[in-house]
Protein backbone atom coordinates (compact mmCIF):
# COMPACT_ATOMS: atom_id res chain seq x y z
CA MET A 1 -10.05 1.42 -91.33
CA ALA A 2 -7.13 -0.87 -90.55
CA GLU A 3 -4.30 0.67 -88.59
CA GLY A 4 -1.57 2.02 -90.85
CA SER A 5 -3.76 1.97 -93.95
CA LYS A 6 -5.00 4.99 -95.84
CA PRO A 7 -8.64 5.99 -95.31
CA ARG A 8 -10.68 4.95 -98.35
CA VAL A 9 -13.08 7.48 -99.88
CA LEU A 10 -15.72 6.65 -102.45
CA VAL A 11 -16.52 9.69 -104.61
CA ILE A 12 -19.94 9.40 -106.28
CA ASP A 13 -20.55 11.98 -108.98
CA ASP A 14 -21.49 11.76 -112.66
CA ALA A 15 -19.19 14.65 -113.66
CA SER A 16 -15.69 13.44 -114.50
CA LEU A 17 -14.09 16.85 -113.82
CA VAL A 18 -15.65 16.98 -110.36
CA ARG A 19 -14.50 13.43 -109.55
CA ARG A 20 -10.98 14.33 -110.72
CA TYR A 21 -10.92 17.50 -108.59
CA TYR A 22 -12.02 15.59 -105.48
CA ARG A 23 -9.62 12.72 -106.24
CA ASP A 24 -6.64 15.05 -106.61
CA ALA A 25 -7.41 16.91 -103.37
CA LEU A 26 -8.03 13.75 -101.35
CA GLU A 27 -5.06 11.78 -102.71
CA GLN A 28 -2.72 14.69 -101.95
CA ALA A 29 -4.06 14.59 -98.39
CA GLY A 30 -3.25 10.87 -98.11
CA TYR A 31 -6.57 9.20 -98.93
CA GLU A 32 -7.19 6.25 -101.20
CA VAL A 33 -9.95 7.24 -103.64
CA GLU A 34 -12.40 5.12 -105.61
CA GLU A 35 -14.98 6.60 -107.99
CA ALA A 36 -18.56 5.80 -108.99
CA LEU A 37 -20.69 7.50 -111.65
CA ASN A 38 -23.99 7.16 -109.76
CA GLY A 39 -25.62 5.62 -106.73
CA LEU A 40 -26.20 2.25 -108.37
CA GLU A 41 -22.54 1.85 -109.25
CA ALA A 42 -21.60 3.01 -105.74
CA LEU A 43 -23.76 0.33 -104.11
CA GLU A 44 -22.09 -2.31 -106.30
CA LYS A 45 -18.61 -1.06 -105.39
CA LEU A 46 -19.41 -1.04 -101.68
CA LEU A 47 -20.36 -4.72 -101.88
CA THR A 48 -16.81 -5.62 -102.85
CA ALA A 49 -14.76 -2.98 -101.01
CA PRO A 50 -16.03 -0.95 -98.06
CA ALA A 51 -15.19 2.74 -97.73
CA ASP A 52 -14.41 4.95 -94.75
CA LEU A 53 -16.18 7.97 -96.24
CA LEU A 54 -18.63 8.78 -99.03
CA ILE A 55 -18.66 11.98 -101.07
CA VAL A 56 -22.05 12.06 -102.79
CA ASP A 57 -23.54 14.26 -105.52
CA VAL A 58 -27.32 14.68 -105.65
CA ASN A 59 -28.27 14.85 -109.32
CA MET A 60 -27.03 11.76 -111.16
CA PRO A 61 -28.50 9.38 -113.76
CA GLN A 62 -29.77 5.88 -112.87
CA MET A 63 -29.73 6.57 -109.11
CA ASP A 64 -29.48 9.98 -107.48
CA GLY A 65 -27.59 10.67 -104.29
CA PHE A 66 -30.62 10.84 -101.99
CA THR A 67 -31.94 7.48 -103.19
CA PHE A 68 -28.48 5.97 -102.82
CA LEU A 69 -28.18 7.16 -99.23
CA LYS A 70 -31.69 5.99 -98.30
CA ILE A 71 -30.95 2.50 -99.64
CA LEU A 72 -27.52 2.43 -98.01
CA ARG A 73 -28.84 3.52 -94.60
CA ARG A 74 -31.43 0.71 -94.64
CA GLN A 75 -28.69 -1.91 -94.98
CA GLU A 76 -27.81 -3.94 -91.92
CA ALA A 77 -24.24 -4.43 -93.08
CA LEU A 78 -21.34 -2.26 -92.02
CA THR A 79 -21.89 -0.01 -95.03
CA ALA A 80 -24.99 1.52 -93.40
CA SER A 81 -22.87 3.53 -90.99
CA ILE A 82 -20.31 4.94 -93.43
CA PRO A 83 -20.16 8.74 -92.99
CA ALA A 84 -21.44 10.67 -96.00
CA VAL A 85 -20.97 14.22 -97.24
CA VAL A 86 -23.43 15.38 -99.87
CA ILE A 87 -22.00 18.05 -102.16
CA SER A 88 -24.41 19.68 -104.61
CA THR A 89 -25.12 22.84 -106.57
CA GLU A 90 -28.56 22.88 -104.93
CA ALA A 91 -28.48 25.40 -102.07
CA LYS A 92 -32.07 25.57 -100.83
CA PRO A 93 -32.83 24.68 -97.19
CA GLU A 94 -35.19 21.92 -98.35
CA ASP A 95 -32.29 20.28 -100.23
CA GLN A 96 -30.22 20.29 -97.05
CA GLN A 97 -33.13 18.83 -95.11
CA ALA A 98 -33.66 16.13 -97.75
CA ALA A 99 -29.98 15.20 -97.44
CA ARG A 100 -30.27 14.85 -93.66
CA ILE A 101 -33.42 12.75 -94.00
CA ALA A 102 -31.65 10.53 -96.55
CA GLY A 103 -28.78 9.97 -94.12
CA ALA A 104 -26.08 12.53 -94.94
CA ASN A 105 -23.79 13.68 -92.16
CA PHE A 106 -23.06 17.03 -93.87
CA TYR A 107 -24.42 18.97 -96.83
CA LEU A 108 -22.04 21.28 -98.71
CA VAL A 109 -22.68 23.49 -101.73
CA LYS A 110 -20.52 23.54 -104.87
CA PRO A 111 -18.12 25.04 -105.69
CA LEU A 112 -16.09 23.67 -102.83
CA ALA A 113 -12.47 24.53 -102.02
CA ALA A 114 -10.14 21.54 -101.92
CA GLU A 115 -9.08 22.49 -98.37
CA GLN A 116 -12.69 22.40 -97.20
CA LEU A 117 -13.20 18.96 -98.73
CA VAL A 118 -10.10 17.66 -96.96
CA GLU A 119 -11.24 19.18 -93.64
CA TYR A 120 -14.59 17.39 -93.78
CA ALA A 121 -12.93 14.17 -94.91
CA ALA A 122 -10.57 14.31 -91.94
CA LEU A 123 -13.40 15.09 -89.53
CA LEU A 124 -15.55 12.18 -90.67
CA SER A 125 -12.88 9.58 -91.36
CA GLY A 126 -10.82 10.26 -88.25
CA ALA A 127 -7.71 10.98 -90.34
CA GLN A 128 -5.32 13.86 -89.77
CA ALA A 129 -6.02 16.87 -92.00
């Protein structure tokens, strides 16, 4: 992140209402937000504009969140080290373990309070909450 610029967050979720909720919370907290409908679209967007943080859903068409993270973490480019928070309705321990194996920094369960999202975003992006 360049000094003086807003941290850039890429929200990856196929549900438009969820993306809007995350966007509103993050923009109010001073983040620049980009959206992707699935992992494939997110990979394409990261090729043209890097992000400081990824908010990733698990269950999406074309490319799910775990596959996206596995592919991203294998990259040698700077995108491989972008912090990622997986947020899903799946709450089983094996889902959390799968997220860690895929490369997530944190795994949170929906529904998620806007304040909690902003706290994790600040923690991982180095921004002030």
